[in-house]
Amino acid sequence: MNIETASRQVDALGNPTRLRIYRALVRAGETGAPVGQVQEALGLPASTLSHHLKKLLEVGLIRQERSGTTLHCHAEYPVMRALVGFLVDECCVDEGTNVG
């Protein structure tokens, strides 16, 4: 993962509402959750939810799939793991050096 991609994803998760939505989708597991269920669980207006889902989609943290008339949202677990890995993979590698 490059720094630009990581920066966009972290920025998207820096919004409290988007972070709540993302956490709900991560908790939903591989089956994801219908948009209506997410809306009800978080008590968000449809337009607000749509706006925030769009941002999460744009940075690749979630995907959406339509099943009939129901739109399901899914956390993209490989993307989540890549972001977390990017943040922790080099933990403490410069310990004891004068960085900065």
PDB file of N, CA and C in Angstrom:
ATOM      1  N   MET A   1       0.856  -1.180   0.000  1.00  0.00           N
ATOM      2  CA  MET A   1       0.000   0.000   0.000  1.00  0.00           C
ATOM      3  C   MET A   1       0.894   1.234   0.000  1.00  0.00           C
ATOM      4  N   ASN A   2       0.473   2.240  -0.749  1.00  0.00           N
ATOM      5  CA  ASN A   2       1.262   3.467  -0.756  1.00  0.00           C
ATOM      6  C   ASN A   2       0.675   4.488   0.213  1.00  0.00           C
ATOM      7  N   ILE A   3       1.451   5.505   0.504  1.00  0.00           N
ATOM      8  CA  ILE A   3       1.076   6.503   1.505  1.00  0.00           C
ATOM      9  C   ILE A   3      -0.172   7.290   1.082  1.00  0.00           C
ATOM     10  N   GLU A   4      -0.354   7.526  -0.215  1.00  0.00           N
ATOM     11  CA  GLU A   4      -1.523   8.277  -0.685  1.00  0.00           C
ATOM     12  C   GLU A   4      -2.812   7.496  -0.448  1.00  0.00           C
ATOM     13  N   THR A   5      -2.789   6.221  -0.763  1.00  0.00           N
ATOM     14  CA  THR A   5      -3.968   5.378  -0.542  1.00  0.00           C
ATOM     15  C   THR A   5      -4.286   5.296   0.944  1.00  0.00           C
ATOM     16  N   ALA A   6      -3.275   5.040   1.747  1.00  0.00           N
ATOM     17  CA  ALA A   6      -3.474   4.955   3.196  1.00  0.00           C
ATOM     18  C   ALA A   6      -4.024   6.271   3.741  1.00  0.00           C
ATOM     19  N   SER A   7      -3.505   7.374   3.247  1.00  0.00           N
ATOM     20  CA  SER A   7      -3.952   8.684   3.711  1.00  0.00           C
ATOM     21  C   SER A   7      -5.424   8.914   3.403  1.00  0.00           C
ATOM     22  N   ARG A   8      -5.865   8.557   2.200  1.00  0.00           N
ATOM     23  CA  ARG A   8      -7.285   8.720   1.823  1.00  0.00           C
ATOM     24  C   ARG A   8      -8.188   7.835   2.693  1.00  0.00           C
ATOM     25  N   GLN A   9      -7.738   6.619   2.956  1.00  0.00           N
ATOM     26  CA  GLN A   9      -8.557   5.712   3.760  1.00  0.00           C
ATOM     27  C   GLN A   9      -8.631   6.171   5.211  1.00  0.00           C
ATOM     28  N   VAL A  10      -7.517   6.584   5.763  1.00  0.00           N
ATOM     29  CA  VAL A  10      -7.518   7.082   7.145  1.00  0.00           C
ATOM     30  C   VAL A  10      -8.365   8.348   7.237  1.00  0.00           C
ATOM     31  N   ASP A  11      -8.264   9.207   6.224  1.00  0.00           N
ATOM     32  CA  ASP A  11      -9.069  10.423   6.200  1.00  0.00           C
ATOM     33  C   ASP A  11     -10.561  10.086   6.209  1.00  0.00           C
ATOM     34  N   ALA A  12     -10.949   9.103   5.404  1.00  0.00           N
ATOM     35  CA  ALA A  12     -12.362   8.695   5.363  1.00  0.00           C
ATOM     36  C   ALA A  12     -12.827   8.192   6.724  1.00  0.00           C
ATOM     37  N   LEU A  13     -11.970   7.454   7.407  1.00  0.00           N
ATOM     38  CA  LEU A  13     -12.339   6.913   8.715  1.00  0.00           C
ATOM     39  C   LEU A  13     -12.218   7.951   9.829  1.00  0.00           C
ATOM     40  N   GLY A  14     -11.650   9.112   9.511  1.00  0.00           N
ATOM     41  CA  GLY A  14     -11.499  10.175  10.500  1.00  0.00           C
ATOM     42  C   GLY A  14     -12.790  10.897  10.813  1.00  0.00           C
ATOM     43  N   ASN A  15     -13.825  10.636  10.051  1.00  0.00           N
ATOM     44  CA  ASN A  15     -15.133  11.217  10.321  1.00  0.00           C
ATOM     45  C   ASN A  15     -15.891  10.282  11.265  1.00  0.00           C
ATOM     46  N   PRO A  16     -16.392  10.788  12.388  1.00  0.00           N
ATOM     47  CA  PRO A  16     -17.058   9.916  13.362  1.00  0.00           C
ATOM     48  C   PRO A  16     -18.238   9.115  12.795  1.00  0.00           C
ATOM     49  N   THR A  17     -19.032   9.726  11.935  1.00  0.00           N
ATOM     50  CA  THR A  17     -20.177   9.009  11.366  1.00  0.00           C
ATOM     51  C   THR A  17     -19.701   7.886  10.457  1.00  0.00           C
ATOM     52  N   ARG A  18     -18.722   8.184   9.594  1.00  0.00           N
ATOM     53  CA  ARG A  18     -18.205   7.130   8.718  1.00  0.00           C
ATOM     54  C   ARG A  18     -17.550   6.023   9.515  1.00  0.00           C
ATOM     55  N   LEU A  19     -16.864   6.355  10.576  1.00  0.00           N
ATOM     56  CA  LEU A  19     -16.240   5.325  11.405  1.00  0.00           C
ATOM     57  C   LEU A  19     -17.313   4.437  12.037  1.00  0.00           C
ATOM     58  N   ARG A  20     -18.410   5.012  12.486  1.00  0.00           N
ATOM     59  CA  ARG A  20     -19.515   4.214  13.041  1.00  0.00           C
ATOM     60  C   ARG A  20     -20.091   3.282  11.981  1.00  0.00           C
ATOM     61  N   ILE A  21     -20.298   3.805  10.779  1.00  0.00           N
ATOM     62  CA  ILE A  21     -20.823   2.990   9.685  1.00  0.00           C
ATOM     63  C   ILE A  21     -19.859   1.858   9.368  1.00  0.00           C
ATOM     64  N   TYR A  22     -18.589   2.189   9.233  1.00  0.00           N
ATOM     65  CA  TYR A  22     -17.586   1.182   8.882  1.00  0.00           C
ATOM     66  C   TYR A  22     -17.510   0.092   9.951  1.00  0.00           C
ATOM     67  N   ARG A  23     -17.510   0.484  11.201  1.00  0.00           N
ATOM     68  CA  ARG A  23     -17.464  -0.506  12.282  1.00  0.00           C
ATOM     69  C   ARG A  23     -18.687  -1.409  12.246  1.00  0.00           C
ATOM     70  N   ALA A  24     -19.848  -0.846  11.942  1.00  0.00           N
ATOM     71  CA  ALA A  24     -21.067  -1.663  11.836  1.00  0.00           C
ATOM     72  C   ALA A  24     -20.920  -2.688  10.715  1.00  0.00           C
ATOM     73  N   LEU A  25     -20.333  -2.272   9.603  1.00  0.00           N
ATOM     74  CA  LEU A  25     -20.158  -3.201   8.483  1.00  0.00           C
ATOM     75  C   LEU A  25     -19.084  -4.239   8.777  1.00  0.00           C
ATOM     76  N   VAL A  26     -18.038  -3.857   9.476  1.00  0.00           N
ATOM     77  CA  VAL A  26     -17.006  -4.825   9.876  1.00  0.00           C
ATOM     78  C   VAL A  26     -17.635  -5.864  10.799  1.00  0.00           C
ATOM     79  N   ARG A  27     -18.459  -5.418  11.727  1.00  0.00           N
ATOM     80  CA  ARG A  27     -19.119  -6.346  12.659  1.00  0.00           C
ATOM     81  C   ARG A  27     -20.117  -7.257  11.943  1.00  0.00           C
ATOM     82  N   ALA A  28     -20.661  -6.801  10.816  1.00  0.00           N
ATOM     83  CA  ALA A  28     -21.669  -7.588  10.099  1.00  0.00           C
ATOM     84  C   ALA A  28     -21.087  -8.846   9.467  1.00  0.00           C
ATOM     85  N   GLY A  29     -19.793  -8.906   9.320  1.00  0.00           N
ATOM     86  CA  GLY A  29     -19.163 -10.090   8.758  1.00  0.00           C
ATOM     87  C   GLY A  29     -19.223 -10.125   7.245  1.00  0.00           C
ATOM     88  N   GLU A  30     -18.867 -11.269   6.694  1.00  0.00           N
ATOM     89  CA  GLU A  30     -18.777 -11.436   5.243  1.00  0.00           C
ATOM     90  C   GLU A  30     -20.117 -11.244   4.541  1.00  0.00           C
ATOM     91  N   THR A  31     -21.213 -11.516   5.216  1.00  0.00           N
ATOM     92  CA  THR A  31     -22.530 -11.372   4.583  1.00  0.00           C
ATOM     93  C   THR A  31     -22.934  -9.918   4.416  1.00  0.00           C
ATOM     94  N   GLY A  32     -22.270  -9.026   5.121  1.00  0.00           N
ATOM     95  CA  GLY A  32     -22.592  -7.612   5.026  1.00  0.00           C
ATOM     96  C   GLY A  32     -23.922  -7.290   5.675  1.00  0.00           C
ATOM     97  N   ALA A  33     -24.445  -6.130   5.324  1.00  0.00           N
ATOM     98  CA  ALA A  33     -25.718  -5.690   5.905  1.00  0.00           C
ATOM     99  C   ALA A  33     -26.471  -4.854   4.886  1.00  0.00           C
ATOM    100  N   PRO A  34     -27.792  -5.007   4.851  1.00  0.00           N
ATOM    101  CA  PRO A  34     -28.593  -4.154   3.980  1.00  0.00           C
ATOM    102  C   PRO A  34     -28.490  -2.695   4.441  1.00  0.00           C
ATOM    103  N   VAL A  35     -28.522  -1.784   3.483  1.00  0.00           N
ATOM    104  CA  VAL A  35     -28.423  -0.364   3.800  1.00  0.00           C
ATOM    105  C   VAL A  35     -29.488   0.042   4.817  1.00  0.00           C
ATOM    106  N   GLY A  36     -30.693  -0.448   4.644  1.00  0.00           N
ATOM    107  CA  GLY A  36     -31.774  -0.105   5.567  1.00  0.00           C
ATOM    108  C   GLY A  36     -31.484  -0.537   6.994  1.00  0.00           C
ATOM    109  N   GLN A  37     -30.854  -1.676   7.137  1.00  0.00           N
ATOM    110  CA  GLN A  37     -30.505  -2.169   8.480  1.00  0.00           C
ATOM    111  C   GLN A  37     -29.443  -1.280   9.115  1.00  0.00           C
ATOM    112  N   VAL A  38     -28.465  -0.867   8.341  1.00  0.00           N
ATOM    113  CA  VAL A  38     -27.424   0.037   8.846  1.00  0.00           C
ATOM    114  C   VAL A  38     -28.057   1.363   9.242  1.00  0.00           C
ATOM    115  N   GLN A  39     -28.939   1.862   8.394  1.00  0.00           N
ATOM    116  CA  GLN A  39     -29.615   3.126   8.671  1.00  0.00           C
ATOM    117  C   GLN A  39     -30.392   3.057   9.979  1.00  0.00           C
ATOM    118  N   GLU A  40     -31.135   1.984  10.151  1.00  0.00           N
ATOM    119  CA  GLU A  40     -31.933   1.826  11.371  1.00  0.00           C
ATOM    120  C   GLU A  40     -31.055   1.664  12.603  1.00  0.00           C
ATOM    121  N   ALA A  41     -30.033   0.842  12.500  1.00  0.00           N
ATOM    122  CA  ALA A  41     -29.160   0.583  13.649  1.00  0.00           C
ATOM    123  C   ALA A  41     -28.441   1.841  14.118  1.00  0.00           C
ATOM    124  N   LEU A  42     -28.055   2.700  13.171  1.00  0.00           N
ATOM    125  CA  LEU A  42     -27.293   3.896  13.536  1.00  0.00           C
ATOM    126  C   LEU A  42     -28.146   5.146  13.651  1.00  0.00           C
ATOM    127  N   GLY A  43     -29.428   5.037  13.269  1.00  0.00           N
ATOM    128  CA  GLY A  43     -30.328   6.180  13.383  1.00  0.00           C
ATOM    129  C   GLY A  43     -29.944   7.348  12.493  1.00  0.00           C
ATOM    130  N   LEU A  44     -29.543   7.038  11.257  1.00  0.00           N
ATOM    131  CA  LEU A  44     -29.106   8.080  10.338  1.00  0.00           C
ATOM    132  C   LEU A  44     -30.159   8.337   9.265  1.00  0.00           C
ATOM    133  N   PRO A  45     -30.319   9.584   8.850  1.00  0.00           N
ATOM    134  CA  PRO A  45     -31.176   9.854   7.695  1.00  0.00           C
ATOM    135  C   PRO A  45     -30.576   9.191   6.457  1.00  0.00           C
ATOM    136  N   ALA A  46     -31.437   8.798   5.528  1.00  0.00           N
ATOM    137  CA  ALA A  46     -30.986   8.104   4.323  1.00  0.00           C
ATOM    138  C   ALA A  46     -29.958   8.913   3.542  1.00  0.00           C
ATOM    139  N   SER A  47     -30.177  10.213   3.415  1.00  0.00           N
ATOM    140  CA  SER A  47     -29.246  11.046   2.641  1.00  0.00           C
ATOM    141  C   SER A  47     -27.877  11.122   3.313  1.00  0.00           C
ATOM    142  N   THR A  48     -27.850  11.178   4.622  1.00  0.00           N
ATOM    143  CA  THR A  48     -26.584  11.214   5.361  1.00  0.00           C
ATOM    144  C   THR A  48     -25.840   9.906   5.185  1.00  0.00           C
ATOM    145  N   LEU A  49     -26.554   8.800   5.335  1.00  0.00           N
ATOM    146  CA  LEU A  49     -25.930   7.490   5.172  1.00  0.00           C
ATOM    147  C   LEU A  49     -25.375   7.337   3.760  1.00  0.00           C
ATOM    148  N   SER A  50     -26.156   7.725   2.774  1.00  0.00           N
ATOM    149  CA  SER A  50     -25.729   7.618   1.380  1.00  0.00           C
ATOM    150  C   SER A  50     -24.448   8.409   1.132  1.00  0.00           C
ATOM    151  N   HIS A  51     -24.389   9.613   1.651  1.00  0.00           N
ATOM    152  CA  HIS A  51     -23.206  10.466   1.505  1.00  0.00           C
ATOM    153  C   HIS A  51     -21.964   9.782   2.078  1.00  0.00           C
ATOM    154  N   HIS A  52     -22.083   9.242   3.264  1.00  0.00           N
ATOM    155  CA  HIS A  52     -20.931   8.621   3.926  1.00  0.00           C
ATOM    156  C   HIS A  52     -20.553   7.287   3.287  1.00  0.00           C
ATOM    157  N   LEU A  53     -21.541   6.520   2.844  1.00  0.00           N
ATOM    158  CA  LEU A  53     -21.240   5.269   2.149  1.00  0.00           C
ATOM    159  C   LEU A  53     -20.465   5.540   0.866  1.00  0.00           C
ATOM    160  N   LYS A  54     -20.837   6.602   0.170  1.00  0.00           N
ATOM    161  CA  LYS A  54     -20.147   6.962  -1.072  1.00  0.00           C
ATOM    162  C   LYS A  54     -18.664   7.198  -0.817  1.00  0.00           C
ATOM    163  N   LYS A  55     -18.346   7.889   0.251  1.00  0.00           N
ATOM    164  CA  LYS A  55     -16.931   8.166   0.577  1.00  0.00           C
ATOM    165  C   LYS A  55     -16.192   6.866   0.886  1.00  0.00           C
ATOM    166  N   LEU A  56     -16.813   5.974   1.655  1.00  0.00           N
ATOM    167  CA  LEU A  56     -16.177   4.696   1.978  1.00  0.00           C
ATOM    168  C   LEU A  56     -15.982   3.845   0.729  1.00  0.00           C
ATOM    169  N   LEU A  57     -16.932   3.921  -0.198  1.00  0.00           N
ATOM    170  CA  LEU A  57     -16.813   3.224  -1.480  1.00  0.00           C
ATOM    171  C   LEU A  57     -15.653   3.783  -2.299  1.00  0.00           C
ATOM    172  N   GLU A  58     -15.557   5.099  -2.356  1.00  0.00           N
ATOM    173  CA  GLU A  58     -14.523   5.768  -3.153  1.00  0.00           C
ATOM    174  C   GLU A  58     -13.111   5.360  -2.747  1.00  0.00           C
ATOM    175  N   VAL A  59     -12.900   5.126  -1.467  1.00  0.00           N
ATOM    176  CA  VAL A  59     -11.551   4.779  -0.993  1.00  0.00           C
ATOM    177  C   VAL A  59     -11.361   3.270  -0.894  1.00  0.00           C
ATOM    178  N   GLY A  60     -12.375   2.500  -1.285  1.00  0.00           N
ATOM    179  CA  GLY A  60     -12.238   1.048  -1.357  1.00  0.00           C
ATOM    180  C   GLY A  60     -12.416   0.290  -0.058  1.00  0.00           C
ATOM    181  N   LEU A  61     -12.902   0.953   0.981  1.00  0.00           N
ATOM    182  CA  LEU A  61     -13.068   0.277   2.269  1.00  0.00           C
ATOM    183  C   LEU A  61     -14.309  -0.614   2.310  1.00  0.00           C
ATOM    184  N   ILE A  62     -15.286  -0.316   1.443  1.00  0.00           N
ATOM    185  CA  ILE A  62     -16.497  -1.133   1.384  1.00  0.00           C
ATOM    186  C   ILE A  62     -16.846  -1.403  -0.074  1.00  0.00           C
ATOM    187  N   ARG A  63     -17.763  -2.340  -0.276  1.00  0.00           N
ATOM    188  CA  ARG A  63     -18.354  -2.581  -1.591  1.00  0.00           C
ATOM    189  C   ARG A  63     -19.859  -2.731  -1.380  1.00  0.00           C
ATOM    190  N   GLN A  64     -20.594  -2.560  -2.458  1.00  0.00           N
ATOM    191  CA  GLN A  64     -22.039  -2.722  -2.406  1.00  0.00           C
ATOM    192  C   GLN A  64     -22.461  -3.727  -3.466  1.00  0.00           C
ATOM    193  N   GLU A  65     -23.474  -4.520  -3.124  1.00  0.00           N
ATOM    194  CA  GLU A  65     -24.046  -5.490  -4.056  1.00  0.00           C
ATOM    195  C   GLU A  65     -25.557  -5.422  -3.952  1.00  0.00           C
ATOM    196  N   ARG A  66     -26.206  -5.449  -5.098  1.00  0.00           N
ATOM    197  CA  ARG A  66     -27.659  -5.416  -5.116  1.00  0.00           C
ATOM    198  C   ARG A  66     -28.193  -6.844  -5.218  1.00  0.00           C
ATOM    199  N   SER A  67     -29.181  -7.133  -4.386  1.00  0.00           N
ATOM    200  CA  SER A  67     -29.875  -8.414  -4.427  1.00  0.00           C
ATOM    201  C   SER A  67     -31.364  -8.084  -4.525  1.00  0.00           C
ATOM    202  N   GLY A  68     -31.882  -8.148  -5.728  1.00  0.00           N
ATOM    203  CA  GLY A  68     -33.267  -7.728  -5.935  1.00  0.00           C
ATOM    204  C   GLY A  68     -33.379  -6.235  -5.705  1.00  0.00           C
ATOM    205  N   THR A  69     -34.205  -5.863  -4.754  1.00  0.00           N
ATOM    206  CA  THR A  69     -34.369  -4.442  -4.440  1.00  0.00           C
ATOM    207  C   THR A  69     -33.534  -4.013  -3.238  1.00  0.00           C
ATOM    208  N   THR A  70     -32.778  -4.942  -2.682  1.00  0.00           N
ATOM    209  CA  THR A  70     -31.997  -4.651  -1.475  1.00  0.00           C
ATOM    210  C   THR A  70     -30.539  -4.406  -1.828  1.00  0.00           C
ATOM    211  N   LEU A  71     -30.004  -3.308  -1.301  1.00  0.00           N
ATOM    212  CA  LEU A  71     -28.595  -2.979  -1.486  1.00  0.00           C
ATOM    213  C   LEU A  71     -27.839  -3.386  -0.230  1.00  0.00           C
ATOM    214  N   HIS A  72     -26.905  -4.323  -0.392  1.00  0.00           N
ATOM    215  CA  HIS A  72     -26.085  -4.795   0.722  1.00  0.00           C
ATOM    216  C   HIS A  72     -24.720  -4.116   0.685  1.00  0.00           C
ATOM    217  N   CYS A  73     -24.231  -3.754   1.842  1.00  0.00           N
ATOM    218  CA  CYS A  73     -22.895  -3.188   1.972  1.00  0.00           C
ATOM    219  C   CYS A  73     -22.014  -4.195   2.696  1.00  0.00           C
ATOM    220  N   HIS A  74     -20.775  -4.265   2.262  1.00  0.00           N
ATOM    221  CA  HIS A  74     -19.816  -5.208   2.829  1.00  0.00           C
ATOM    222  C   HIS A  74     -18.501  -4.489   3.107  1.00  0.00           C
ATOM    223  N   ALA A  75     -17.917  -4.762   4.234  1.00  0.00           N
ATOM    224  CA  ALA A  75     -16.559  -4.283   4.491  1.00  0.00           C
ATOM    225  C   ALA A  75     -15.612  -5.069   3.591  1.00  0.00           C
ATOM    226  N   GLU A  76     -14.630  -4.391   3.042  1.00  0.00           N
ATOM    227  CA  GLU A  76     -13.602  -5.048   2.230  1.00  0.00           C
ATOM    228  C   GLU A  76     -12.471  -5.440   3.177  1.00  0.00           C
ATOM    229  N   TYR A  77     -12.549  -6.655   3.716  1.00  0.00           N
ATOM    230  CA  TYR A  77     -11.588  -7.095   4.721  1.00  0.00           C
ATOM    231  C   TYR A  77     -10.138  -7.102   4.236  1.00  0.00           C
ATOM    232  N   PRO A  78      -9.846  -7.499   2.998  1.00  0.00           N
ATOM    233  CA  PRO A  78      -8.450  -7.422   2.546  1.00  0.00           C
ATOM    234  C   PRO A  78      -7.912  -5.988   2.560  1.00  0.00           C
ATOM    235  N   VAL A  79      -8.760  -5.032   2.204  1.00  0.00           N
ATOM    236  CA  VAL A  79      -8.349  -3.625   2.226  1.00  0.00           C
ATOM    237  C   VAL A  79      -8.123  -3.175   3.665  1.00  0.00           C
ATOM    238  N   MET A  80      -9.018  -3.574   4.557  1.00  0.00           N
ATOM    239  CA  MET A  80      -8.868  -3.227   5.965  1.00  0.00           C
ATOM    240  C   MET A  80      -7.565  -3.800   6.518  1.00  0.00           C
ATOM    241  N   ARG A  81      -7.289  -5.054   6.206  1.00  0.00           N
ATOM    242  CA  ARG A  81      -6.058  -5.689   6.695  1.00  0.00           C
ATOM    243  C   ARG A  81      -4.817  -5.004   6.123  1.00  0.00           C
ATOM    244  N   ALA A  82      -4.897  -4.597   4.858  1.00  0.00           N
ATOM    245  CA  ALA A  82      -3.762  -3.904   4.237  1.00  0.00           C
ATOM    246  C   ALA A  82      -3.509  -2.566   4.927  1.00  0.00           C
ATOM    247  N   LEU A  83      -4.576  -1.845   5.248  1.00  0.00           N
ATOM    248  CA  LEU A  83      -4.418  -0.558   5.927  1.00  0.00           C
ATOM    249  C   LEU A  83      -3.840  -0.747   7.326  1.00  0.00           C
ATOM    250  N   VAL A  84      -4.385  -1.684   8.065  1.00  0.00           N
ATOM    251  CA  VAL A  84      -3.873  -1.946   9.415  1.00  0.00           C
ATOM    252  C   VAL A  84      -2.409  -2.392   9.331  1.00  0.00           C
ATOM    253  N   GLY A  85      -2.101  -3.257   8.373  1.00  0.00           N
ATOM    254  CA  GLY A  85      -0.727  -3.703   8.190  1.00  0.00           C
ATOM    255  C   GLY A  85       0.195  -2.548   7.869  1.00  0.00           C
ATOM    256  N   PHE A  86      -0.250  -1.659   6.994  1.00  0.00           N
ATOM    257  CA  PHE A  86       0.553  -0.490   6.644  1.00  0.00           C
ATOM    258  C   PHE A  86       0.874   0.333   7.890  1.00  0.00           C
ATOM    259  N   LEU A  87      -0.100   0.440   8.785  1.00  0.00           N
ATOM    260  CA  LEU A  87       0.081   1.251   9.987  1.00  0.00           C
ATOM    261  C   LEU A  87       0.991   0.591  11.027  1.00  0.00           C
ATOM    262  N   VAL A  88       1.026  -0.734  11.055  1.00  0.00           N
ATOM    263  CA  VAL A  88       1.779  -1.405  12.128  1.00  0.00           C
ATOM    264  C   VAL A  88       3.010  -2.179  11.670  1.00  0.00           C
ATOM    265  N   ASP A  89       3.155  -2.433  10.379  1.00  0.00           N
ATOM    266  CA  ASP A  89       4.255  -3.273   9.901  1.00  0.00           C
ATOM    267  C   ASP A  89       5.632  -2.777  10.307  1.00  0.00           C
ATOM    268  N   GLU A  90       5.817  -1.488  10.355  1.00  0.00           N
ATOM    269  CA  GLU A  90       7.130  -0.968  10.680  1.00  0.00           C
ATOM    270  C   GLU A  90       7.203  -0.429  12.101  1.00  0.00           C
ATOM    271  N   CYS A  91       6.326  -0.922  12.939  1.00  0.00           N
ATOM    272  CA  CYS A  91       6.310  -0.474  14.323  1.00  0.00           C
ATOM    273  C   CYS A  91       7.687  -0.654  14.959  1.00  0.00           C
ATOM    274  N   CYS A  92       8.189   0.414  15.507  1.00  0.00           N
ATOM    275  CA  CYS A  92       9.410   0.434  16.323  1.00  0.00           C
ATOM    276  C   CYS A  92      10.706   0.188  15.541  1.00  0.00           C
ATOM    277  N   VAL A  93      10.678   0.199  14.197  1.00  0.00           N
ATOM    278  CA  VAL A  93      11.900  -0.092  13.441  1.00  0.00           C
ATOM    279  C   VAL A  93      12.978   0.964  13.632  1.00  0.00           C
ATOM    280  N   ASP A  94      12.589   2.171  13.974  1.00  0.00           N
ATOM    281  CA  ASP A  94      13.573   3.227  14.191  1.00  0.00           C
ATOM    282  C   ASP A  94      13.838   3.513  15.672  1.00  0.00           C
ATOM    283  N   GLU A  95      13.405   2.606  16.504  1.00  0.00           N
ATOM    284  CA  GLU A  95      13.596   2.799  17.939  1.00  0.00           C
ATOM    285  C   GLU A  95      15.070   2.941  18.256  1.00  0.00           C
ATOM    286  N   GLY A  96      15.381   3.942  19.038  1.00  0.00           N
ATOM    287  CA  GLY A  96      16.758   4.167  19.438  1.00  0.00           C
ATOM    288  C   GLY A  96      17.558   5.025  18.464  1.00  0.00           C
ATOM    289  N   THR A  97      16.925   5.447  17.377  1.00  0.00           N
ATOM    290  CA  THR A  97      17.627   6.321  16.428  1.00  0.00           C
ATOM    291  C   THR A  97      17.067   7.723  16.539  1.00  0.00           C
ATOM    292  N   ASN A  98      17.776   8.665  16.011  1.00  0.00           N
ATOM    293  CA  ASN A  98      17.321  10.055  16.028  1.00  0.00           C
ATOM    294  C   ASN A  98      16.544  10.349  14.762  1.00  0.00           C
ATOM    295  N   VAL A  99      15.242  10.093  14.806  1.00  0.00           N
ATOM    296  CA  VAL A  99      14.377  10.349  13.661  1.00  0.00           C
ATOM    297  C   VAL A  99      13.788  11.754  13.837  1.00  0.00           C
ATOM    298  N   GLY A 100      13.803  12.512  12.789  1.00  0.00           N
ATOM    299  CA  GLY A 100      13.177  13.821  12.879  1.00  0.00           C
ATOM    300  C   GLY A 100      14.161  14.871  12.636  1.00  0.00           C
TER     301      GLY A 100
END
